[in-house]
Amino acid sequence: KNRVPDEKNNFRARVAVVGSEIDDIDMIKLIEDSGAYVCA
């Protein structure tokens, strides 16, 4: 709540990830490291 976000977003697109079981935290990290923000 009190966190100050970065002045400039370090992502280029916002994506919703939909589908089957994901318990691998590397999956979301890989998507975000590739320029997409996982918003849902």
PDB file of all heavy atoms in Angstrom:
ATOM      1  N   LYS A   1       0.834  -1.218   0.000  1.00  0.00           N
ATOM      2  CA  LYS A   1       0.000   0.000   0.000  1.00  0.00           C
ATOM      3  C   LYS A   1       0.860   1.256   0.000  1.00  0.00           C
ATOM      4  O   LYS A   1       0.530   2.262  -0.624  1.00  0.00           O
ATOM      5  CB  LYS A   1      -0.911   0.015   1.233  1.00  0.00           C
ATOM      6  CG  LYS A   1      -2.143  -0.859   1.130  1.00  0.00           C
ATOM      7  CD  LYS A   1      -2.963  -0.745   2.410  1.00  0.00           C
ATOM      8  CE  LYS A   1      -4.179  -1.651   2.372  1.00  0.00           C
ATOM      9  NZ  LYS A   1      -4.926  -1.599   3.658  1.00  0.00           N
ATOM     10  N   ASN A   2       1.969   1.212   0.721  1.00  0.00           N
ATOM     11  CA  ASN A   2       2.841   2.379   0.868  1.00  0.00           C
ATOM     12  C   ASN A   2       4.034   2.365  -0.087  1.00  0.00           C
ATOM     13  O   ASN A   2       4.911   3.221  -0.014  1.00  0.00           O
ATOM     14  CB  ASN A   2       3.349   2.467   2.319  1.00  0.00           C
ATOM     15  CG  ASN A   2       2.211   2.639   3.311  1.00  0.00           C
ATOM     16  OD1 ASN A   2       1.408   3.548   3.172  1.00  0.00           O
ATOM     17  ND2 ASN A   2       2.135   1.769   4.307  1.00  0.00           N
ATOM     18  N   ARG A   3       4.067   1.407  -0.974  1.00  0.00           N
ATOM     19  CA  ARG A   3       5.202   1.254  -1.885  1.00  0.00           C
ATOM     20  C   ARG A   3       5.116   2.277  -3.010  1.00  0.00           C
ATOM     21  O   ARG A   3       4.040   2.540  -3.554  1.00  0.00           O
ATOM     22  CB  ARG A   3       5.164  -0.152  -2.470  1.00  0.00           C
ATOM     23  CG  ARG A   3       6.474  -0.671  -3.027  1.00  0.00           C
ATOM     24  CD  ARG A   3       6.240  -2.067  -3.592  1.00  0.00           C
ATOM     25  NE  ARG A   3       7.473  -2.812  -3.786  1.00  0.00           N
ATOM     26  CZ  ARG A   3       7.542  -3.971  -4.422  1.00  0.00           C
ATOM     27  NH1 ARG A   3       6.434  -4.520  -4.910  1.00  0.00           N
ATOM     28  NH2 ARG A   3       8.695  -4.604  -4.571  1.00  0.00           N
ATOM     29  N   VAL A   4       6.232   2.831  -3.377  1.00  0.00           N
ATOM     30  CA  VAL A   4       6.281   3.795  -4.477  1.00  0.00           C
ATOM     31  C   VAL A   4       6.686   3.050  -5.749  1.00  0.00           C
ATOM     32  O   VAL A   4       7.778   2.477  -5.815  1.00  0.00           O
ATOM     33  CB  VAL A   4       7.289   4.930  -4.192  1.00  0.00           C
ATOM     34  CG1 VAL A   4       7.351   5.901  -5.373  1.00  0.00           C
ATOM     35  CG2 VAL A   4       6.925   5.658  -2.907  1.00  0.00           C
ATOM     36  N   PRO A   5       5.809   3.020  -6.762  1.00  0.00           N
ATOM     37  CA  PRO A   5       6.154   2.287  -7.988  1.00  0.00           C
ATOM     38  C   PRO A   5       7.257   2.998  -8.760  1.00  0.00           C
ATOM     39  O   PRO A   5       7.516   4.191  -8.559  1.00  0.00           O
ATOM     40  CB  PRO A   5       4.838   2.287  -8.774  1.00  0.00           C
ATOM     41  CG  PRO A   5       4.085   3.465  -8.272  1.00  0.00           C
ATOM     42  CD  PRO A   5       4.479   3.639  -6.831  1.00  0.00           C
ATOM     43  N   ASP A   6       7.894   2.263  -9.664  1.00  0.00           N
ATOM     44  CA  ASP A   6       8.930   2.858 -10.505  1.00  0.00           C
ATOM     45  C   ASP A   6       8.332   3.958 -11.364  1.00  0.00           C
ATOM     46  O   ASP A   6       7.172   3.884 -11.787  1.00  0.00           O
ATOM     47  CB  ASP A   6       9.561   1.787 -11.408  1.00  0.00           C
ATOM     48  CG  ASP A   6      10.360   0.761 -10.602  1.00  0.00           C
ATOM     49  OD1 ASP A   6      10.817   1.110  -9.496  1.00  0.00           O
ATOM     50  OD2 ASP A   6      10.519  -0.378 -11.084  1.00  0.00           O
ATOM     51  N   GLU A   7       9.125   4.966 -11.639  1.00  0.00           N
ATOM     52  CA  GLU A   7       8.660   6.087 -12.455  1.00  0.00           C
ATOM     53  C   GLU A   7       8.299   5.632 -13.858  1.00  0.00           C
ATOM     54  O   GLU A   7       7.324   6.084 -14.450  1.00  0.00           O
ATOM     55  CB  GLU A   7       9.761   7.165 -12.521  1.00  0.00           C
ATOM     56  CG  GLU A   7       9.324   8.476 -13.161  1.00  0.00           C
ATOM     57  CD  GLU A   7       8.174   9.147 -12.418  1.00  0.00           C
ATOM     58  OE1 GLU A   7       8.137   9.087 -11.168  1.00  0.00           O
ATOM     59  OE2 GLU A   7       7.301   9.725 -13.098  1.00  0.00           O
ATOM     60  N   LYS A   8       9.097   4.695 -14.369  1.00  0.00           N
ATOM     61  CA  LYS A   8       8.855   4.186 -15.727  1.00  0.00           C
ATOM     62  C   LYS A   8       8.654   2.673 -15.656  1.00  0.00           C
ATOM     63  O   LYS A   8       9.449   1.965 -15.036  1.00  0.00           O
ATOM     64  CB  LYS A   8      10.055   4.515 -16.624  1.00  0.00           C
ATOM     65  CG  LYS A   8       9.861   4.161 -18.098  1.00  0.00           C
ATOM     66  CD  LYS A   8      11.079   4.612 -18.908  1.00  0.00           C
ATOM     67  CE  LYS A   8      10.895   4.359 -20.402  1.00  0.00           C
ATOM     68  NZ  LYS A   8      10.698   2.951 -20.736  1.00  0.00           N
ATOM     69  N   ASN A   9       7.571   2.192 -16.263  1.00  0.00           N
ATOM     70  CA  ASN A   9       7.313   0.748 -16.268  1.00  0.00           C
ATOM     71  C   ASN A   9       8.417   0.009 -17.021  1.00  0.00           C
ATOM     72  O   ASN A   9       8.871   0.459 -18.072  1.00  0.00           O
ATOM     73  CB  ASN A   9       5.963   0.454 -16.929  1.00  0.00           C
ATOM     74  CG  ASN A   9       4.793   0.842 -16.057  1.00  0.00           C
ATOM     75  OD1 ASN A   9       4.881   0.771 -14.831  1.00  0.00           O
ATOM     76  ND2 ASN A   9       3.688   1.242 -16.668  1.00  0.00           N
ATOM     77  N   ASN A  10       8.835  -1.129 -16.461  1.00  0.00           N
ATOM     78  CA  ASN A  10       9.870  -1.908 -17.158  1.00  0.00           C
ATOM     79  C   ASN A  10       9.262  -3.052 -17.962  1.00  0.00           C
ATOM     80  O   ASN A  10       9.915  -4.056 -18.232  1.00  0.00           O
ATOM     81  CB  ASN A  10      10.901  -2.447 -16.161  1.00  0.00           C
ATOM     82  CG  ASN A  10      10.275  -3.336 -15.093  1.00  0.00           C
ATOM     83  OD1 ASN A  10       9.061  -3.531 -15.100  1.00  0.00           O
ATOM     84  ND2 ASN A  10      11.087  -3.851 -14.191  1.00  0.00           N
ATOM     85  N   PHE A  11       7.976  -2.906 -18.321  1.00  0.00           N
ATOM     86  CA  PHE A  11       7.340  -3.883 -19.204  1.00  0.00           C
ATOM     87  C   PHE A  11       6.767  -3.152 -20.414  1.00  0.00           C
ATOM     88  O   PHE A  11       6.553  -1.945 -20.385  1.00  0.00           O
ATOM     89  CB  PHE A  11       6.236  -4.656 -18.467  1.00  0.00           C
ATOM     90  CG  PHE A  11       5.149  -3.783 -17.896  1.00  0.00           C
ATOM     91  CD1 PHE A  11       4.072  -3.374 -18.667  1.00  0.00           C
ATOM     92  CD2 PHE A  11       5.200  -3.362 -16.569  1.00  0.00           C
ATOM     93  CE1 PHE A  11       3.069  -2.568 -18.143  1.00  0.00           C
ATOM     94  CE2 PHE A  11       4.200  -2.560 -16.026  1.00  0.00           C
ATOM     95  CZ  PHE A  11       3.137  -2.160 -16.822  1.00  0.00           C
ATOM     96  N   ARG A  12       6.511  -3.913 -21.482  1.00  0.00           N
ATOM     97  CA  ARG A  12       6.039  -3.306 -22.734  1.00  0.00           C
ATOM     98  C   ARG A  12       4.611  -3.685 -23.073  1.00  0.00           C
ATOM     99  O   ARG A  12       4.010  -3.127 -23.987  1.00  0.00           O
ATOM    100  CB  ARG A  12       6.972  -3.718 -23.871  1.00  0.00           C
ATOM    101  CG  ARG A  12       8.389  -3.150 -23.704  1.00  0.00           C
ATOM    102  CD  ARG A  12       9.456  -4.064 -24.264  1.00  0.00           C
ATOM    103  NE  ARG A  12       9.219  -4.442 -25.636  1.00  0.00           N
ATOM    104  CZ  ARG A  12       9.763  -5.510 -26.231  1.00  0.00           C
ATOM    105  NH1 ARG A  12      10.545  -6.312 -25.539  1.00  0.00           N
ATOM    106  NH2 ARG A  12       9.501  -5.772 -27.482  1.00  0.00           N
ATOM    107  N   ALA A  13       4.058  -4.659 -22.352  1.00  0.00           N
ATOM    108  CA  ALA A  13       2.669  -5.076 -22.587  1.00  0.00           C
ATOM    109  C   ALA A  13       2.144  -5.756 -21.323  1.00  0.00           C
ATOM    110  O   ALA A  13       2.910  -6.316 -20.538  1.00  0.00           O
ATOM    111  CB  ALA A  13       2.595  -6.046 -23.766  1.00  0.00           C
ATOM    112  N   ARG A  14       0.832  -5.683 -21.152  1.00  0.00           N
ATOM    113  CA  ARG A  14       0.179  -6.337 -20.015  1.00  0.00           C
ATOM    114  C   ARG A  14      -0.550  -7.579 -20.530  1.00  0.00           C
ATOM    115  O   ARG A  14      -1.286  -7.488 -21.514  1.00  0.00           O
ATOM    116  CB  ARG A  14      -0.821  -5.379 -19.362  1.00  0.00           C
ATOM    117  CG  ARG A  14      -0.203  -4.095 -18.824  1.00  0.00           C
ATOM    118  CD  ARG A  14      -1.283  -3.079 -18.452  1.00  0.00           C
ATOM    119  NE  ARG A  14      -2.166  -3.590 -17.416  1.00  0.00           N
ATOM    120  CZ  ARG A  14      -1.992  -3.384 -16.105  1.00  0.00           C
ATOM    121  NH1 ARG A  14      -0.964  -2.665 -15.681  1.00  0.00           N
ATOM    122  NH2 ARG A  14      -2.842  -3.881 -15.223  1.00  0.00           N
ATOM    123  N   VAL A  15      -0.351  -8.722 -19.864  1.00  0.00           N
ATOM    124  CA  VAL A  15      -0.991  -9.954 -20.325  1.00  0.00           C
ATOM    125  C   VAL A  15      -1.717 -10.656 -19.184  1.00  0.00           C
ATOM    126  O   VAL A  15      -1.294 -10.612 -18.031  1.00  0.00           O
ATOM    127  CB  VAL A  15       0.022 -10.941 -20.957  1.00  0.00           C
ATOM    128  CG1 VAL A  15       0.672 -10.330 -22.187  1.00  0.00           C
ATOM    129  CG2 VAL A  15       1.067 -11.389 -19.946  1.00  0.00           C
ATOM    130  N   ALA A  16      -2.828 -11.294 -19.529  1.00  0.00           N
ATOM    131  CA  ALA A  16      -3.503 -12.222 -18.619  1.00  0.00           C
ATOM    132  C   ALA A  16      -3.038 -13.625 -18.984  1.00  0.00           C
ATOM    133  O   ALA A  16      -3.035 -13.989 -20.160  1.00  0.00           O
ATOM    134  CB  ALA A  16      -5.017 -12.110 -18.769  1.00  0.00           C
ATOM    135  N   VAL A  17      -2.591 -14.379 -17.987  1.00  0.00           N
ATOM    136  CA  VAL A  17      -2.171 -15.763 -18.227  1.00  0.00           C
ATOM    137  C   VAL A  17      -3.324 -16.677 -17.841  1.00  0.00           C
ATOM    138  O   VAL A  17      -3.823 -16.627 -16.716  1.00  0.00           O
ATOM    139  CB  VAL A  17      -0.900 -16.118 -17.441  1.00  0.00           C
ATOM    140  CG1 VAL A  17      -0.528 -17.579 -17.664  1.00  0.00           C
ATOM    141  CG2 VAL A  17       0.256 -15.213 -17.870  1.00  0.00           C
ATOM    142  N   VAL A  18      -3.752 -17.496 -18.800  1.00  0.00           N
ATOM    143  CA  VAL A  18      -4.957 -18.320 -18.647  1.00  0.00           C
ATOM    144  C   VAL A  18      -4.602 -19.765 -18.951  1.00  0.00           C
ATOM    145  O   VAL A  18      -3.811 -20.043 -19.859  1.00  0.00           O
ATOM    146  CB  VAL A  18      -6.044 -17.845 -19.650  1.00  0.00           C
ATOM    147  CG1 VAL A  18      -7.280 -18.727 -19.581  1.00  0.00           C
ATOM    148  CG2 VAL A  18      -6.405 -16.391 -19.406  1.00  0.00           C
ATOM    149  N   GLY A  19      -5.195 -20.710 -18.182  1.00  0.00           N
ATOM    150  CA  GLY A  19      -5.015 -22.100 -18.555  1.00  0.00           C
ATOM    151  C   GLY A  19      -4.834 -23.056 -17.404  1.00  0.00           C
ATOM    152  O   GLY A  19      -5.400 -22.883 -16.328  1.00  0.00           O
ATOM    153  N   SER A  20      -4.009 -24.079 -17.617  1.00  0.00           N
ATOM    154  CA  SER A  20      -3.896 -25.197 -16.692  1.00  0.00           C
ATOM    155  C   SER A  20      -2.965 -24.873 -15.528  1.00  0.00           C
ATOM    156  O   SER A  20      -2.536 -23.736 -15.342  1.00  0.00           O
ATOM    157  CB  SER A  20      -3.414 -26.450 -17.435  1.00  0.00           C
ATOM    158  OG  SER A  20      -2.060 -26.325 -17.812  1.00  0.00           O
ATOM    159  N   GLU A  21      -2.631 -25.895 -14.790  1.00  0.00           N
ATOM    160  CA  GLU A  21      -1.881 -25.780 -13.536  1.00  0.00           C
ATOM    161  C   GLU A  21      -0.520 -25.103 -13.728  1.00  0.00           C
ATOM    162  O   GLU A  21       0.268 -25.510 -14.567  1.00  0.00           O
ATOM    163  CB  GLU A  21      -1.708 -27.212 -12.983  1.00  0.00           C
ATOM    164  CG  GLU A  21      -1.299 -27.305 -11.552  1.00  0.00           C
ATOM    165  CD  GLU A  21       0.196 -27.415 -11.368  1.00  0.00           C
ATOM    166  OE1 GLU A  21       0.948 -27.379 -12.362  1.00  0.00           O
ATOM    167  OE2 GLU A  21       0.625 -27.519 -10.224  1.00  0.00           O
ATOM    168  N   ILE A  22      -0.274 -24.042 -12.942  1.00  0.00           N
ATOM    169  CA  ILE A  22       1.068 -23.441 -12.880  1.00  0.00           C
ATOM    170  C   ILE A  22       1.462 -23.325 -11.415  1.00  0.00           C
ATOM    171  O   ILE A  22       0.907 -22.516 -10.673  1.00  0.00           O
ATOM    172  CB  ILE A  22       1.135 -22.035 -13.510  1.00  0.00           C
ATOM    173  CG1 ILE A  22       0.785 -22.040 -14.992  1.00  0.00           C
ATOM    174  CG2 ILE A  22       2.546 -21.448 -13.333  1.00  0.00           C
ATOM    175  CD1 ILE A  22       0.841 -20.668 -15.654  1.00  0.00           C
ATOM    176  N   ASP A  23       2.394 -24.179 -10.975  1.00  0.00           N
ATOM    177  CA  ASP A  23       2.951 -23.967  -9.638  1.00  0.00           C
ATOM    178  C   ASP A  23       4.447 -23.666  -9.736  1.00  0.00           C
ATOM    179  O   ASP A  23       5.144 -23.601  -8.733  1.00  0.00           O
ATOM    180  CB  ASP A  23       2.685 -25.182  -8.735  1.00  0.00           C
ATOM    181  CG  ASP A  23       3.482 -26.422  -9.131  1.00  0.00           C
ATOM    182  OD1 ASP A  23       4.712 -26.346  -9.181  1.00  0.00           O
ATOM    183  OD2 ASP A  23       2.863 -27.478  -9.357  1.00  0.00           O
ATOM    184  N   ASP A  24       4.924 -23.477 -10.954  1.00  0.00           N
ATOM    185  CA  ASP A  24       6.336 -23.186 -11.219  1.00  0.00           C
ATOM    186  C   ASP A  24       6.521 -21.671 -11.271  1.00  0.00           C
ATOM    187  O   ASP A  24       6.090 -21.023 -12.221  1.00  0.00           O
ATOM    188  CB  ASP A  24       6.727 -23.842 -12.549  1.00  0.00           C
ATOM    189  CG  ASP A  24       8.171 -23.572 -12.936  1.00  0.00           C
ATOM    190  OD1 ASP A  24       8.928 -23.067 -12.074  1.00  0.00           O
ATOM    191  OD2 ASP A  24       8.544 -23.862 -14.076  1.00  0.00           O
ATOM    192  N   ILE A  25       7.152 -21.116 -10.237  1.00  0.00           N
ATOM    193  CA  ILE A  25       7.304 -19.654 -10.200  1.00  0.00           C
ATOM    194  C   ILE A  25       8.210 -19.152 -11.323  1.00  0.00           C
ATOM    195  O   ILE A  25       8.147 -17.984 -11.705  1.00  0.00           O
ATOM    196  CB  ILE A  25       7.812 -19.151  -8.828  1.00  0.00           C
ATOM    197  CG1 ILE A  25       9.135 -19.799  -8.444  1.00  0.00           C
ATOM    198  CG2 ILE A  25       6.764 -19.419  -7.745  1.00  0.00           C
ATOM    199  CD1 ILE A  25       9.718 -19.300  -7.137  1.00  0.00           C
ATOM    200  N   ASP A  26       9.021 -20.055 -11.891  1.00  0.00           N
ATOM    201  CA  ASP A  26       9.886 -19.656 -13.015  1.00  0.00           C
ATOM    202  C   ASP A  26       9.077 -19.274 -14.247  1.00  0.00           C
ATOM    203  O   ASP A  26       9.533 -18.482 -15.073  1.00  0.00           O
ATOM    204  CB  ASP A  26      10.854 -20.784 -13.381  1.00  0.00           C
ATOM    205  CG  ASP A  26      11.958 -20.972 -12.355  1.00  0.00           C
ATOM    206  OD1 ASP A  26      12.203 -20.020 -11.582  1.00  0.00           O
ATOM    207  OD2 ASP A  26      12.563 -22.052 -12.310  1.00  0.00           O
ATOM    208  N   MET A  27       7.878 -19.848 -14.388  1.00  0.00           N
ATOM    209  CA  MET A  27       7.058 -19.570 -15.568  1.00  0.00           C
ATOM    210  C   MET A  27       6.666 -18.092 -15.609  1.00  0.00           C
ATOM    211  O   MET A  27       6.810 -17.422 -16.643  1.00  0.00           O
ATOM    212  CB  MET A  27       5.805 -20.459 -15.543  1.00  0.00           C
ATOM    213  CG  MET A  27       4.834 -20.215 -16.678  1.00  0.00           C
ATOM    214  SD  MET A  27       5.449 -20.772 -18.274  1.00  0.00           S
ATOM    215  CE  MET A  27       4.143 -20.225 -19.358  1.00  0.00           C
ATOM    216  N   ILE A  28       6.170 -17.581 -14.489  1.00  0.00           N
ATOM    217  CA  ILE A  28       5.751 -16.182 -14.447  1.00  0.00           C
ATOM    218  C   ILE A  28       6.963 -15.266 -14.551  1.00  0.00           C
ATOM    219  O   ILE A  28       6.926 -14.230 -15.216  1.00  0.00           O
ATOM    220  CB  ILE A  28       4.955 -15.895 -13.150  1.00  0.00           C
ATOM    221  CG1 ILE A  28       3.758 -16.844 -13.041  1.00  0.00           C
ATOM    222  CG2 ILE A  28       4.501 -14.445 -13.101  1.00  0.00           C
ATOM    223  CD1 ILE A  28       2.775 -16.772 -14.188  1.00  0.00           C
ATOM    224  N   LYS A  29       8.051 -15.670 -13.913  1.00  0.00           N
ATOM    225  CA  LYS A  29       9.287 -14.865 -13.980  1.00  0.00           C
ATOM    226  C   LYS A  29       9.786 -14.771 -15.417  1.00  0.00           C
ATOM    227  O   LYS A  29      10.174 -13.691 -15.882  1.00  0.00           O
ATOM    228  CB  LYS A  29      10.361 -15.500 -13.091  1.00  0.00           C
ATOM    229  CG  LYS A  29      11.561 -14.599 -12.816  1.00  0.00           C
ATOM    230  CD  LYS A  29      12.441 -15.199 -11.749  1.00  0.00           C
ATOM    231  CE  LYS A  29      13.428 -14.188 -11.212  1.00  0.00           C
ATOM    232  NZ  LYS A  29      14.183 -13.460 -12.209  1.00  0.00           N
ATOM    233  N   LEU A  30       9.749 -15.894 -16.134  1.00  0.00           N
ATOM    234  CA  LEU A  30      10.213 -15.903 -17.518  1.00  0.00           C
ATOM    235  C   LEU A  30       9.365 -14.968 -18.388  1.00  0.00           C
ATOM    236  O   LEU A  30       9.908 -14.210 -19.210  1.00  0.00           O
ATOM    237  CB  LEU A  30      10.153 -17.339 -18.055  1.00  0.00           C
ATOM    238  CG  LEU A  30      10.719 -17.600 -19.444  1.00  0.00           C
ATOM    239  CD1 LEU A  30      11.265 -19.020 -19.531  1.00  0.00           C
ATOM    240  CD2 LEU A  30       9.674 -17.400 -20.535  1.00  0.00           C
ATOM    241  N   ILE A  31       8.046 -15.002 -18.199  1.00  0.00           N
ATOM    242  CA  ILE A  31       7.158 -14.134 -18.979  1.00  0.00           C
ATOM    243  C   ILE A  31       7.478 -12.667 -18.696  1.00  0.00           C
ATOM    244  O   ILE A  31       7.578 -11.844 -19.621  1.00  0.00           O
ATOM    245  CB  ILE A  31       5.680 -14.440 -18.660  1.00  0.00           C
ATOM    246  CG1 ILE A  31       5.289 -15.821 -19.209  1.00  0.00           C
ATOM    247  CG2 ILE A  31       4.752 -13.368 -19.252  1.00  0.00           C
ATOM    248  CD1 ILE A  31       3.926 -16.307 -18.746  1.00  0.00           C
ATOM    249  N   GLU A  32       7.674 -12.335 -17.425  1.00  0.00           N
ATOM    250  CA  GLU A  32       7.934 -10.931 -17.078  1.00  0.00           C
ATOM    251  C   GLU A  32       9.335 -10.490 -17.500  1.00  0.00           C
ATOM    252  O   GLU A  32       9.534  -9.339 -17.881  1.00  0.00           O
ATOM    253  CB  GLU A  32       7.706 -10.712 -15.581  1.00  0.00           C
ATOM    254  CG  GLU A  32       6.257 -10.962 -15.193  1.00  0.00           C
ATOM    255  CD  GLU A  32       5.780 -10.186 -13.990  1.00  0.00           C
ATOM    256  OE1 GLU A  32       6.528 -10.102 -12.997  1.00  0.00           O
ATOM    257  OE2 GLU A  32       4.657  -9.652 -14.036  1.00  0.00           O
ATOM    258  N   ASP A  33      10.295 -11.411 -17.472  1.00  0.00           N
ATOM    259  CA  ASP A  33      11.636 -11.087 -17.964  1.00  0.00           C
ATOM    260  C   ASP A  33      11.643 -10.879 -19.474  1.00  0.00           C
ATOM    261  O   ASP A  33      12.585 -10.302 -20.028  1.00  0.00           O
ATOM    262  CB  ASP A  33      12.627 -12.201 -17.606  1.00  0.00           C
ATOM    263  CG  ASP A  33      12.985 -12.210 -16.120  1.00  0.00           C
ATOM    264  OD1 ASP A  33      12.660 -11.218 -15.428  1.00  0.00           O
ATOM    265  OD2 ASP A  33      13.566 -13.215 -15.655  1.00  0.00           O
ATOM    266  N   SER A  34      10.588 -11.356 -20.144  1.00  0.00           N
ATOM    267  CA  SER A  34      10.496 -11.232 -21.605  1.00  0.00           C
ATOM    268  C   SER A  34       9.744  -9.974 -22.040  1.00  0.00           C
ATOM    269  O   SER A  34       9.449  -9.799 -23.219  1.00  0.00           O
ATOM    270  CB  SER A  34       9.812 -12.474 -22.198  1.00  0.00           C
ATOM    271  OG  SER A  34      10.507 -13.646 -21.833  1.00  0.00           O
ATOM    272  N   GLY A  35       9.405  -9.111 -21.075  1.00  0.00           N
ATOM    273  CA  GLY A  35       8.798  -7.827 -21.420  1.00  0.00           C
ATOM    274  C   GLY A  35       7.310  -7.717 -21.208  1.00  0.00           C
ATOM    275  O   GLY A  35       6.702  -6.687 -21.510  1.00  0.00           O
ATOM    276  N   ALA A  36       6.670  -8.785 -20.674  1.00  0.00           N
ATOM    277  CA  ALA A  36       5.221  -8.758 -20.447  1.00  0.00           C
ATOM    278  C   ALA A  36       4.933  -8.723 -18.949  1.00  0.00           C
ATOM    279  O   ALA A  36       5.555  -9.456 -18.181  1.00  0.00           O
ATOM    280  CB  ALA A  36       4.565  -9.982 -21.069  1.00  0.00           C
ATOM    281  N   TYR A  37       3.996  -7.898 -18.540  1.00  0.00           N
ATOM    282  CA  TYR A  37       3.578  -7.841 -17.145  1.00  0.00           C
ATOM    283  C   TYR A  37       2.367  -8.749 -16.961  1.00  0.00           C
ATOM    284  O   TYR A  37       1.347  -8.579 -17.641  1.00  0.00           O
ATOM    285  CB  TYR A  37       3.222  -6.398 -16.764  1.00  0.00           C
ATOM    286  CG  TYR A  37       2.672  -6.248 -15.356  1.00  0.00           C
ATOM    287  CD1 TYR A  37       3.508  -6.391 -14.261  1.00  0.00           C
ATOM    288  CD2 TYR A  37       1.322  -5.974 -15.133  1.00  0.00           C
ATOM    289  CE1 TYR A  37       3.023  -6.266 -12.969  1.00  0.00           C
ATOM    290  CE2 TYR A  37       0.827  -5.848 -13.846  1.00  0.00           C
ATOM    291  CZ  TYR A  37       1.684  -5.994 -12.765  1.00  0.00           C
ATOM    292  OH  TYR A  37       1.194  -5.878 -11.489  1.00  0.00           O
ATOM    293  N   VAL A  38       2.462  -9.716 -16.052  1.00  0.00           N
ATOM    294  CA  VAL A  38       1.352 -10.644 -15.809  1.00  0.00           C
ATOM    295  C   VAL A  38       0.370  -9.964 -14.853  1.00  0.00           C
ATOM    296  O   VAL A  38       0.566  -9.929 -13.645  1.00  0.00           O
ATOM    297  CB  VAL A  38       1.843 -11.987 -15.238  1.00  0.00           C
ATOM    298  CG1 VAL A  38       0.661 -12.904 -14.934  1.00  0.00           C
ATOM    299  CG2 VAL A  38       2.799 -12.658 -16.223  1.00  0.00           C
ATOM    300  N   CYS A  39      -0.691  -9.409 -15.430  1.00  0.00           N
ATOM    301  CA  CYS A  39      -1.630  -8.607 -14.641  1.00  0.00           C
ATOM    302  C   CYS A  39      -2.793  -9.428 -14.100  1.00  0.00           C
ATOM    303  O   CYS A  39      -3.504  -8.983 -13.199  1.00  0.00           O
ATOM    304  CB  CYS A  39      -2.158  -7.437 -15.469  1.00  0.00           C
ATOM    305  SG  CYS A  39      -3.099  -7.921 -16.930  1.00  0.00           S
ATOM    306  N   ALA A  40      -3.022 -10.637 -14.636  1.00  0.00           N
ATOM    307  CA  ALA A  40      -4.132 -11.473 -14.169  1.00  0.00           C
ATOM    308  C   ALA A  40      -3.735 -12.938 -14.293  1.00  0.00           C
ATOM    309  O   ALA A  40      -3.042 -13.326 -15.234  1.00  0.00           O
ATOM    310  CB  ALA A  40      -5.402 -11.192 -14.966  1.00  0.00           C
TER     311      ALA A  40
END
